[in-house]
Amino acid sequence: MTTVRIIAGLLAATALPATAQDKPGFTDTPMLPGGQWRVHDADRPAPAVVVPAAQAGGAPSDAVILFDGRSADAWRADRKPWPIEIGALTIPSRASSGGENNLVTKQSFGDVQLHLEFRSPNPPTKTSQDRGNSGIWFMQRYEVQILDSYRNPTYADGGLGAIYGWKPPLVNAARRPGEWQSYDIVFERPRFAPNGTLLRPAYVTAFLNGVLVQNHQAMLGTTVWRKVAGYQPHGDAAPIQLQDHDSPVAFRNIWVRPLSEAAIAQDLGGTGK
């Protein structure tokens, strides 16, 4: 056999898939922090398979669909149903609803990944907090702001991408009014001791139009206007709410993925799940 053929044979052998082991990995490597698994542990469970959507922003196979452009059955309105037109839910005027008319999920959630697309009215009317105002209220308590922040000055902790009344967005990534925008948010619920003491605050990581605007930011507590937020103990799950602020903001393509405890941020003292 020539040298060339020997080299070709070796290259072919190394290109074959690694099928020799039923459980690839090691049993003699050092233990990771937490003491449960070794580095490259052969016995560590493989992740569950989730099929991603064919297009960016689409719902993966394990998502809970909250609005697909056709039905608002996953929601209840405080007063009057929000109308659906051309695949979008739009906040009706308070004059037609008879007052504040938030939209609330029938299902309750705790830790979630949320995707939502929204559109501010065009042409814009009014200014500051009265222009394209809405909000995403996790557990009906913790607000991530929706506002038309395109060339619309307002107070920094009240703009699009803000944790309302607390943290301004890292940057203003707002699109023009009338253009569809997207939020991708990871919300981690707060943890309370049996006696109601706060053990761990809520956290938010948010991407607005693909741009990071909140990076694992701790929340001060229940959102409140013109006051410092604070925590009151509550259950592990509650509805998600879209706020009616008497502005015809439209919504589409809303879905969530409830997250397991393993998804919540762990420090190096964790269990290494």
C-alpha atoms as a PDB file:
ATOM      1  CA  MET A   1       0.000   0.000   0.000  1.00  0.00           C
ATOM      2  CA  THR A   2       1.409   3.379  -0.958  1.00  0.00           C
ATOM      3  CA  THR A   3       1.929   6.197   1.497  1.00  0.00           C
ATOM      4  CA  VAL A   4      -0.827   8.230  -0.215  1.00  0.00           C
ATOM      5  CA  ARG A   5      -3.328   5.368   0.184  1.00  0.00           C
ATOM      6  CA  ILE A   6      -2.387   4.909   3.860  1.00  0.00           C
ATOM      7  CA  ILE A   7      -2.958   8.617   4.556  1.00  0.00           C
ATOM      8  CA  ALA A   8      -6.271   8.531   2.674  1.00  0.00           C
ATOM      9  CA  GLY A   9      -7.393   5.568   4.770  1.00  0.00           C
ATOM     10  CA  LEU A  10      -6.527   7.320   8.003  1.00  0.00           C
ATOM     11  CA  LEU A  11      -8.424  10.452   6.946  1.00  0.00           C
ATOM     12  CA  ALA A  12     -11.489   8.394   6.044  1.00  0.00           C
ATOM     13  CA  ALA A  13     -11.410   6.644   9.416  1.00  0.00           C
ATOM     14  CA  THR A  14     -11.250   9.912  11.325  1.00  0.00           C
ATOM     15  CA  ALA A  15     -14.199  11.283   9.329  1.00  0.00           C
ATOM     16  CA  LEU A  16     -16.544   8.517  10.494  1.00  0.00           C
ATOM     17  CA  PRO A  17     -19.144   9.438  13.147  1.00  0.00           C
ATOM     18  CA  ALA A  18     -18.311   8.488  16.721  1.00  0.00           C
ATOM     19  CA  THR A  19     -20.701   5.563  17.156  1.00  0.00           C
ATOM     20  CA  ALA A  20     -18.451   3.256  19.169  1.00  0.00           C
ATOM     21  CA  GLN A  21     -19.836   4.440  22.505  1.00  0.00           C
ATOM     22  CA  ASP A  22     -23.474   4.079  23.497  1.00  0.00           C
ATOM     23  CA  LYS A  23     -22.902   6.795  26.099  1.00  0.00           C
ATOM     24  CA  PRO A  24     -20.132   9.131  24.917  1.00  0.00           C
ATOM     25  CA  GLY A  25     -18.297  10.878  27.697  1.00  0.00           C
ATOM     26  CA  PHE A  26     -16.069  10.173  30.671  1.00  0.00           C
ATOM     27  CA  THR A  27     -16.311   8.753  34.178  1.00  0.00           C
ATOM     28  CA  ASP A  28     -12.832   9.692  35.423  1.00  0.00           C
ATOM     29  CA  THR A  29     -12.873  13.487  35.044  1.00  0.00           C
ATOM     30  CA  PRO A  30     -13.025  16.052  37.890  1.00  0.00           C
ATOM     31  CA  MET A  31     -16.321  16.911  39.546  1.00  0.00           C
ATOM     32  CA  LEU A  32     -18.020  20.163  38.558  1.00  0.00           C
ATOM     33  CA  PRO A  33     -19.194  22.675  41.213  1.00  0.00           C
ATOM     34  CA  GLY A  34     -22.216  21.311  43.023  1.00  0.00           C
ATOM     35  CA  GLY A  35     -20.860  17.767  43.174  1.00  0.00           C
ATOM     36  CA  GLN A  36     -23.447  16.134  40.882  1.00  0.00           C
ATOM     37  CA  TRP A  37     -21.686  15.775  37.532  1.00  0.00           C
ATOM     38  CA  ARG A  38     -18.180  15.331  36.220  1.00  0.00           C
ATOM     39  CA  VAL A  39     -16.668  17.305  33.342  1.00  0.00           C
ATOM     40  CA  HIS A  40     -18.022  15.664  30.138  1.00  0.00           C
ATOM     41  CA  ASP A  41     -19.987  13.215  32.316  1.00  0.00           C
ATOM     42  CA  ALA A  42     -21.263  10.227  30.329  1.00  0.00           C
ATOM     43  CA  ASP A  43     -24.296   9.887  32.623  1.00  0.00           C
ATOM     44  CA  ARG A  44     -25.429  13.521  32.481  1.00  0.00           C
ATOM     45  CA  PRO A  45     -28.922  13.680  30.896  1.00  0.00           C
ATOM     46  CA  ALA A  46     -29.126  15.037  27.371  1.00  0.00           C
ATOM     47  CA  PRO A  47     -31.264  18.142  26.775  1.00  0.00           C
ATOM     48  CA  ALA A  48     -34.849  17.681  25.637  1.00  0.00           C
ATOM     49  CA  VAL A  49     -35.333  18.173  21.901  1.00  0.00           C
ATOM     50  CA  VAL A  50     -37.258  21.305  20.901  1.00  0.00           C
ATOM     51  CA  VAL A  51     -37.951  22.023  17.235  1.00  0.00           C
ATOM     52  CA  PRO A  52     -37.341  25.688  16.429  1.00  0.00           C
ATOM     53  CA  ALA A  53     -39.621  27.614  14.113  1.00  0.00           C
ATOM     54  CA  ALA A  54     -38.752  27.749  10.441  1.00  0.00           C
ATOM     55  CA  GLN A  55     -38.603  31.542  10.566  1.00  0.00           C
ATOM     56  CA  ALA A  56     -37.053  33.870  13.112  1.00  0.00           C
ATOM     57  CA  GLY A  57     -39.572  34.968  15.728  1.00  0.00           C
ATOM     58  CA  GLY A  58     -41.815  31.960  15.185  1.00  0.00           C
ATOM     59  CA  ALA A  59     -42.976  29.779  18.042  1.00  0.00           C
ATOM     60  CA  PRO A  60     -40.874  26.684  18.834  1.00  0.00           C
ATOM     61  CA  SER A  61     -42.489  23.309  19.383  1.00  0.00           C
ATOM     62  CA  ASP A  62     -42.802  23.671  23.178  1.00  0.00           C
ATOM     63  CA  ALA A  63     -44.328  27.168  23.184  1.00  0.00           C
ATOM     64  CA  VAL A  64     -47.721  28.176  24.514  1.00  0.00           C
ATOM     65  CA  ILE A  65     -49.368  30.197  21.741  1.00  0.00           C
ATOM     66  CA  LEU A  66     -51.106  33.251  23.169  1.00  0.00           C
ATOM     67  CA  PHE A  67     -52.014  34.925  19.875  1.00  0.00           C
ATOM     68  CA  ASP A  68     -51.506  33.578  16.350  1.00  0.00           C
ATOM     69  CA  GLY A  69     -53.312  36.285  14.428  1.00  0.00           C
ATOM     70  CA  ARG A  70     -56.677  34.519  14.439  1.00  0.00           C
ATOM     71  CA  SER A  71     -57.993  33.884  17.930  1.00  0.00           C
ATOM     72  CA  ALA A  72     -57.778  35.712  21.246  1.00  0.00           C
ATOM     73  CA  ASP A  73     -59.190  32.738  23.166  1.00  0.00           C
ATOM     74  CA  ALA A  74     -56.102  32.672  25.423  1.00  0.00           C
ATOM     75  CA  TRP A  75     -57.067  36.096  26.803  1.00  0.00           C
ATOM     76  CA  ARG A  76     -59.823  37.902  28.651  1.00  0.00           C
ATOM     77  CA  ALA A  77     -60.375  41.638  28.514  1.00  0.00           C
ATOM     78  CA  ASP A  78     -61.287  43.702  31.574  1.00  0.00           C
ATOM     79  CA  ARG A  79     -64.238  45.187  29.706  1.00  0.00           C
ATOM     80  CA  LYS A  80     -64.579  44.881  25.922  1.00  0.00           C
ATOM     81  CA  PRO A  81     -62.715  42.350  23.693  1.00  0.00           C
ATOM     82  CA  TRP A  82     -59.815  43.793  21.759  1.00  0.00           C
ATOM     83  CA  PRO A  83     -60.623  43.672  18.028  1.00  0.00           C
ATOM     84  CA  ILE A  84     -58.637  41.498  15.608  1.00  0.00           C
ATOM     85  CA  GLU A  85     -57.954  42.908  12.165  1.00  0.00           C
ATOM     86  CA  ILE A  86     -55.442  41.741   9.547  1.00  0.00           C
ATOM     87  CA  GLY A  87     -53.857  39.340  12.046  1.00  0.00           C
ATOM     88  CA  ALA A  88     -53.340  41.895  14.817  1.00  0.00           C
ATOM     89  CA  LEU A  89     -54.961  42.676  18.172  1.00  0.00           C
ATOM     90  CA  THR A  90     -55.458  46.396  18.750  1.00  0.00           C
ATOM     91  CA  ILE A  91     -56.260  48.246  21.955  1.00  0.00           C
ATOM     92  CA  PRO A  92     -59.713  49.833  21.583  1.00  0.00           C
ATOM     93  CA  SER A  93     -60.338  53.373  22.773  1.00  0.00           C
ATOM     94  CA  ARG A  94     -61.436  53.809  26.356  1.00  0.00           C
ATOM     95  CA  ALA A  95     -64.397  55.790  25.092  1.00  0.00           C
ATOM     96  CA  SER A  96     -65.668  52.655  23.334  1.00  0.00           C
ATOM     97  CA  SER A  97     -64.650  50.286  26.166  1.00  0.00           C
ATOM     98  CA  GLY A  98     -66.093  52.341  28.995  1.00  0.00           C
ATOM     99  CA  GLY A  99     -62.818  52.677  30.877  1.00  0.00           C
ATOM    100  CA  GLU A 100     -59.452  50.984  31.395  1.00  0.00           C
ATOM    101  CA  ASN A 101     -59.499  47.718  29.450  1.00  0.00           C
ATOM    102  CA  ASN A 102     -56.378  45.596  29.966  1.00  0.00           C
ATOM    103  CA  LEU A 103     -55.932  42.223  28.277  1.00  0.00           C
ATOM    104  CA  VAL A 104     -55.052  39.360  30.637  1.00  0.00           C
ATOM    105  CA  THR A 105     -54.051  35.762  29.913  1.00  0.00           C
ATOM    106  CA  LYS A 106     -56.431  33.081  31.143  1.00  0.00           C
ATOM    107  CA  GLN A 107     -53.414  30.906  32.007  1.00  0.00           C
ATOM    108  CA  SER A 108     -50.979  31.783  34.787  1.00  0.00           C
ATOM    109  CA  PHE A 109     -47.199  31.766  34.398  1.00  0.00           C
ATOM    110  CA  GLY A 110     -44.071  32.140  36.507  1.00  0.00           C
ATOM    111  CA  ASP A 111     -40.640  31.952  34.861  1.00  0.00           C
ATOM    112  CA  VAL A 112     -41.088  32.451  31.115  1.00  0.00           C
ATOM    113  CA  GLN A 113     -39.516  33.304  27.806  1.00  0.00           C
ATOM    114  CA  LEU A 114     -41.850  35.676  25.966  1.00  0.00           C
ATOM    115  CA  HIS A 115     -41.953  36.722  22.326  1.00  0.00           C
ATOM    116  CA  LEU A 116     -44.268  39.542  21.301  1.00  0.00           C
ATOM    117  CA  GLU A 117     -44.529  41.909  18.337  1.00  0.00           C
ATOM    118  CA  PHE A 118     -46.185  45.325  18.553  1.00  0.00           C
ATOM    119  CA  ARG A 119     -46.813  48.436  16.470  1.00  0.00           C
ATOM    120  CA  SER A 120     -47.301  52.008  17.609  1.00  0.00           C
ATOM    121  CA  PRO A 121     -49.974  54.040  15.801  1.00  0.00           C
ATOM    122  CA  ASN A 122     -49.009  56.115  12.775  1.00  0.00           C
ATOM    123  CA  PRO A 123     -49.228  59.016  12.424  1.00  0.00           C
ATOM    124  CA  PRO A 124     -48.319  59.527  16.066  1.00  0.00           C
ATOM    125  CA  THR A 125     -50.408  61.784  18.245  1.00  0.00           C
ATOM    126  CA  LYS A 126     -49.586  63.465  21.533  1.00  0.00           C
ATOM    127  CA  THR A 127     -46.157  63.307  23.178  1.00  0.00           C
ATOM    128  CA  SER A 128     -44.130  61.699  25.972  1.00  0.00           C
ATOM    129  CA  GLN A 129     -46.113  59.094  27.958  1.00  0.00           C
ATOM    130  CA  ASP A 130     -49.292  59.686  25.938  1.00  0.00           C
ATOM    131  CA  ARG A 131     -47.729  58.490  22.674  1.00  0.00           C
ATOM    132  CA  GLY A 132     -48.052  54.781  21.829  1.00  0.00           C
ATOM    133  CA  ASN A 133     -48.130  53.759  25.486  1.00  0.00           C
ATOM    134  CA  SER A 134     -48.783  50.190  26.647  1.00  0.00           C
ATOM    135  CA  GLY A 135     -46.818  47.672  28.688  1.00  0.00           C
ATOM    136  CA  ILE A 136     -46.149  44.012  29.406  1.00  0.00           C
ATOM    137  CA  TRP A 137     -47.005  43.163  33.003  1.00  0.00           C
ATOM    138  CA  PHE A 138     -45.527  39.838  34.088  1.00  0.00           C
ATOM    139  CA  MET A 139     -47.599  38.246  36.846  1.00  0.00           C
ATOM    140  CA  GLN A 140     -49.773  41.398  36.548  1.00  0.00           C
ATOM    141  CA  ARG A 141     -47.161  43.150  38.680  1.00  0.00           C
ATOM    142  CA  TYR A 142     -43.824  43.697  36.931  1.00  0.00           C
ATOM    143  CA  GLU A 143     -43.851  45.991  33.897  1.00  0.00           C
ATOM    144  CA  VAL A 144     -41.589  46.177  30.873  1.00  0.00           C
ATOM    145  CA  GLN A 145     -42.593  49.351  29.061  1.00  0.00           C
ATOM    146  CA  ILE A 146     -44.053  49.756  25.584  1.00  0.00           C
ATOM    147  CA  LEU A 147     -43.970  53.303  24.235  1.00  0.00           C
ATOM    148  CA  ASP A 148     -43.410  55.114  20.950  1.00  0.00           C
ATOM    149  CA  SER A 149     -39.858  56.213  21.749  1.00  0.00           C
ATOM    150  CA  TYR A 150     -38.867  57.236  18.235  1.00  0.00           C
ATOM    151  CA  ARG A 151     -37.869  60.902  18.551  1.00  0.00           C
ATOM    152  CA  ASN A 152     -40.243  61.241  21.494  1.00  0.00           C
ATOM    153  CA  PRO A 153     -38.513  62.609  24.622  1.00  0.00           C
ATOM    154  CA  THR A 154     -39.784  61.324  27.962  1.00  0.00           C
ATOM    155  CA  TYR A 155     -38.328  60.480  31.364  1.00  0.00           C
ATOM    156  CA  ALA A 156     -35.569  57.878  31.021  1.00  0.00           C
ATOM    157  CA  ASP A 157     -37.166  55.143  33.141  1.00  0.00           C
ATOM    158  CA  GLY A 158     -40.421  55.392  31.170  1.00  0.00           C
ATOM    159  CA  GLY A 159     -39.243  54.821  27.602  1.00  0.00           C
ATOM    160  CA  LEU A 160     -39.519  51.775  25.362  1.00  0.00           C
ATOM    161  CA  GLY A 161     -37.350  48.981  26.782  1.00  0.00           C
ATOM    162  CA  ALA A 162     -37.413  50.361  30.327  1.00  0.00           C
ATOM    163  CA  ILE A 163     -38.318  48.504  33.483  1.00  0.00           C
ATOM    164  CA  TYR A 164     -40.909  51.145  34.224  1.00  0.00           C
ATOM    165  CA  GLY A 165     -40.048  53.452  37.092  1.00  0.00           C
ATOM    166  CA  TRP A 166     -36.676  51.816  37.694  1.00  0.00           C
ATOM    167  CA  LYS A 167     -34.184  51.063  34.913  1.00  0.00           C
ATOM    168  CA  PRO A 168     -33.932  52.854  31.565  1.00  0.00           C
ATOM    169  CA  PRO A 169     -33.054  50.663  28.583  1.00  0.00           C
ATOM    170  CA  LEU A 170     -29.359  50.266  27.851  1.00  0.00           C
ATOM    171  CA  VAL A 171     -30.019  51.878  24.452  1.00  0.00           C
ATOM    172  CA  ASN A 172     -32.993  53.281  22.555  1.00  0.00           C
ATOM    173  CA  ALA A 173     -33.622  50.725  19.782  1.00  0.00           C
ATOM    174  CA  ALA A 174     -37.082  51.973  18.800  1.00  0.00           C
ATOM    175  CA  ARG A 175     -38.334  51.760  15.227  1.00  0.00           C
ATOM    176  CA  ARG A 176     -40.435  54.434  13.534  1.00  0.00           C
ATOM    177  CA  PRO A 177     -44.142  54.616  14.433  1.00  0.00           C
ATOM    178  CA  GLY A 178     -46.211  52.300  12.259  1.00  0.00           C
ATOM    179  CA  GLU A 179     -43.393  49.728  11.937  1.00  0.00           C
ATOM    180  CA  TRP A 180     -43.639  46.328  13.621  1.00  0.00           C
ATOM    181  CA  GLN A 181     -41.245  45.860  16.523  1.00  0.00           C
ATOM    182  CA  SER A 182     -40.344  42.788  18.572  1.00  0.00           C
ATOM    183  CA  TYR A 183     -39.639  41.963  22.186  1.00  0.00           C
ATOM    184  CA  ASP A 184     -37.884  38.808  23.346  1.00  0.00           C
ATOM    185  CA  ILE A 185     -37.892  38.722  27.138  1.00  0.00           C
ATOM    186  CA  VAL A 186     -36.817  36.258  29.804  1.00  0.00           C
ATOM    187  CA  PHE A 187     -38.632  36.890  33.058  1.00  0.00           C
ATOM    188  CA  GLU A 188     -37.571  35.165  36.269  1.00  0.00           C
ATOM    189  CA  ARG A 189     -40.185  35.397  38.994  1.00  0.00           C
ATOM    190  CA  PRO A 190     -39.230  36.430  42.539  1.00  0.00           C
ATOM    191  CA  ARG A 191     -38.780  33.789  45.241  1.00  0.00           C
ATOM    192  CA  PHE A 192     -40.283  34.154  48.711  1.00  0.00           C
ATOM    193  CA  ALA A 193     -39.748  32.246  51.941  1.00  0.00           C
ATOM    194  CA  PRO A 194     -42.779  30.611  53.593  1.00  0.00           C
ATOM    195  CA  ASN A 195     -43.014  33.612  55.935  1.00  0.00           C
ATOM    196  CA  GLY A 196     -43.145  36.018  52.973  1.00  0.00           C
ATOM    197  CA  THR A 197     -39.543  37.230  53.155  1.00  0.00           C
ATOM    198  CA  LEU A 198     -38.025  37.981  49.752  1.00  0.00           C
ATOM    199  CA  LEU A 199     -35.310  35.431  48.969  1.00  0.00           C
ATOM    200  CA  ARG A 200     -34.528  36.479  45.394  1.00  0.00           C
ATOM    201  CA  PRO A 201     -35.921  39.367  43.337  1.00  0.00           C
ATOM    202  CA  ALA A 202     -37.470  39.109  39.906  1.00  0.00           C
ATOM    203  CA  TYR A 203     -35.046  39.450  36.985  1.00  0.00           C
ATOM    204  CA  VAL A 204     -35.559  40.576  33.400  1.00  0.00           C
ATOM    205  CA  THR A 205     -33.432  40.072  30.304  1.00  0.00           C
ATOM    206  CA  ALA A 206     -34.920  41.846  27.294  1.00  0.00           C
ATOM    207  CA  PHE A 207     -34.077  42.194  23.610  1.00  0.00           C
ATOM    208  CA  LEU A 208     -35.898  44.917  21.674  1.00  0.00           C
ATOM    209  CA  ASN A 209     -35.724  44.486  17.902  1.00  0.00           C
ATOM    210  CA  GLY A 210     -32.814  42.117  18.456  1.00  0.00           C
ATOM    211  CA  VAL A 211     -30.892  44.618  20.632  1.00  0.00           C
ATOM    212  CA  LEU A 212     -30.150  43.936  24.304  1.00  0.00           C
ATOM    213  CA  VAL A 213     -31.896  46.578  26.422  1.00  0.00           C
ATOM    214  CA  GLN A 214     -31.988  44.851  29.861  1.00  0.00           C
ATOM    215  CA  ASN A 215     -29.313  42.341  30.912  1.00  0.00           C
ATOM    216  CA  HIS A 216     -30.455  40.113  33.787  1.00  0.00           C
ATOM    217  CA  GLN A 217     -31.659  43.195  35.591  1.00  0.00           C
ATOM    218  CA  ALA A 218     -33.084  42.797  39.086  1.00  0.00           C
ATOM    219  CA  MET A 219     -36.478  44.418  39.640  1.00  0.00           C
ATOM    220  CA  LEU A 220     -37.352  46.524  42.685  1.00  0.00           C
ATOM    221  CA  GLY A 221     -40.825  45.057  43.055  1.00  0.00           C
ATOM    222  CA  THR A 222     -44.377  45.642  41.878  1.00  0.00           C
ATOM    223  CA  THR A 223     -44.468  48.453  39.322  1.00  0.00           C
ATOM    224  CA  VAL A 224     -46.095  51.640  40.589  1.00  0.00           C
ATOM    225  CA  TRP A 225     -46.337  55.175  39.211  1.00  0.00           C
ATOM    226  CA  ARG A 226     -44.358  57.957  40.900  1.00  0.00           C
ATOM    227  CA  LYS A 227     -43.283  55.747  43.804  1.00  0.00           C
ATOM    228  CA  VAL A 228     -40.462  53.342  44.563  1.00  0.00           C
ATOM    229  CA  ALA A 229     -41.539  49.765  43.849  1.00  0.00           C
ATOM    230  CA  GLY A 230     -41.542  47.123  46.560  1.00  0.00           C
ATOM    231  CA  TYR A 231     -42.330  43.444  46.943  1.00  0.00           C
ATOM    232  CA  GLN A 232     -45.377  41.851  48.464  1.00  0.00           C
ATOM    233  CA  PRO A 233     -45.371  38.038  48.690  1.00  0.00           C
ATOM    234  CA  HIS A 234     -47.488  36.191  46.129  1.00  0.00           C
ATOM    235  CA  GLY A 235     -47.839  32.807  44.461  1.00  0.00           C
ATOM    236  CA  ASP A 236     -45.535  31.156  41.965  1.00  0.00           C
ATOM    237  CA  ALA A 237     -47.754  31.856  38.940  1.00  0.00           C
ATOM    238  CA  ALA A 238     -50.064  34.642  37.775  1.00  0.00           C
ATOM    239  CA  PRO A 239     -51.376  35.953  34.436  1.00  0.00           C
ATOM    240  CA  ILE A 240     -49.494  38.107  31.955  1.00  0.00           C
ATOM    241  CA  GLN A 241     -51.198  41.416  31.190  1.00  0.00           C
ATOM    242  CA  LEU A 242     -51.056  43.793  28.226  1.00  0.00           C
ATOM    243  CA  GLN A 243     -51.803  47.301  29.401  1.00  0.00           C
ATOM    244  CA  ASP A 244     -54.475  49.611  28.033  1.00  0.00           C
ATOM    245  CA  HIS A 245     -53.163  53.177  28.226  1.00  0.00           C
ATOM    246  CA  ASP A 246     -55.769  54.558  25.810  1.00  0.00           C
ATOM    247  CA  SER A 247     -53.483  54.343  22.783  1.00  0.00           C
ATOM    248  CA  PRO A 248     -54.252  52.060  19.780  1.00  0.00           C
ATOM    249  CA  VAL A 249     -51.113  49.902  20.007  1.00  0.00           C
ATOM    250  CA  ALA A 250     -51.399  46.686  17.969  1.00  0.00           C
ATOM    251  CA  PHE A 251     -49.986  43.233  18.814  1.00  0.00           C
ATOM    252  CA  ARG A 252     -49.262  40.014  16.936  1.00  0.00           C
ATOM    253  CA  ASN A 253     -47.291  36.751  17.214  1.00  0.00           C
ATOM    254  CA  ILE A 254     -47.382  36.341  20.995  1.00  0.00           C
ATOM    255  CA  TRP A 255     -46.057  33.163  22.596  1.00  0.00           C
ATOM    256  CA  VAL A 256     -44.358  32.043  25.789  1.00  0.00           C
ATOM    257  CA  ARG A 257     -42.227  29.142  26.926  1.00  0.00           C
ATOM    258  CA  PRO A 258     -42.633  28.284  30.621  1.00  0.00           C
ATOM    259  CA  LEU A 259     -39.139  27.741  31.990  1.00  0.00           C
ATOM    260  CA  SER A 260     -37.957  25.027  34.320  1.00  0.00           C
ATOM    261  CA  GLU A 261     -35.953  25.715  37.449  1.00  0.00           C
ATOM    262  CA  ALA A 262     -32.841  24.642  35.535  1.00  0.00           C
ATOM    263  CA  ALA A 263     -33.240  27.673  33.258  1.00  0.00           C
ATOM    264  CA  ILE A 264     -33.007  30.181  36.077  1.00  0.00           C
ATOM    265  CA  ALA A 265     -29.631  31.794  36.544  1.00  0.00           C
ATOM    266  CA  GLN A 266     -27.406  29.873  38.943  1.00  0.00           C
ATOM    267  CA  ASP A 267     -24.257  31.049  40.669  1.00  0.00           C
ATOM    268  CA  LEU A 268     -21.229  28.774  41.059  1.00  0.00           C
ATOM    269  CA  GLY A 269     -22.698  27.364  44.237  1.00  0.00           C
ATOM    270  CA  GLY A 270     -25.599  25.874  42.310  1.00  0.00           C
ATOM    271  CA  THR A 271     -26.280  22.246  41.540  1.00  0.00           C
ATOM    272  CA  GLY A 272     -24.939  22.326  38.007  1.00  0.00           C
ATOM    273  CA  LYS A 273     -28.237  21.174  36.480  1.00  0.00           C
END
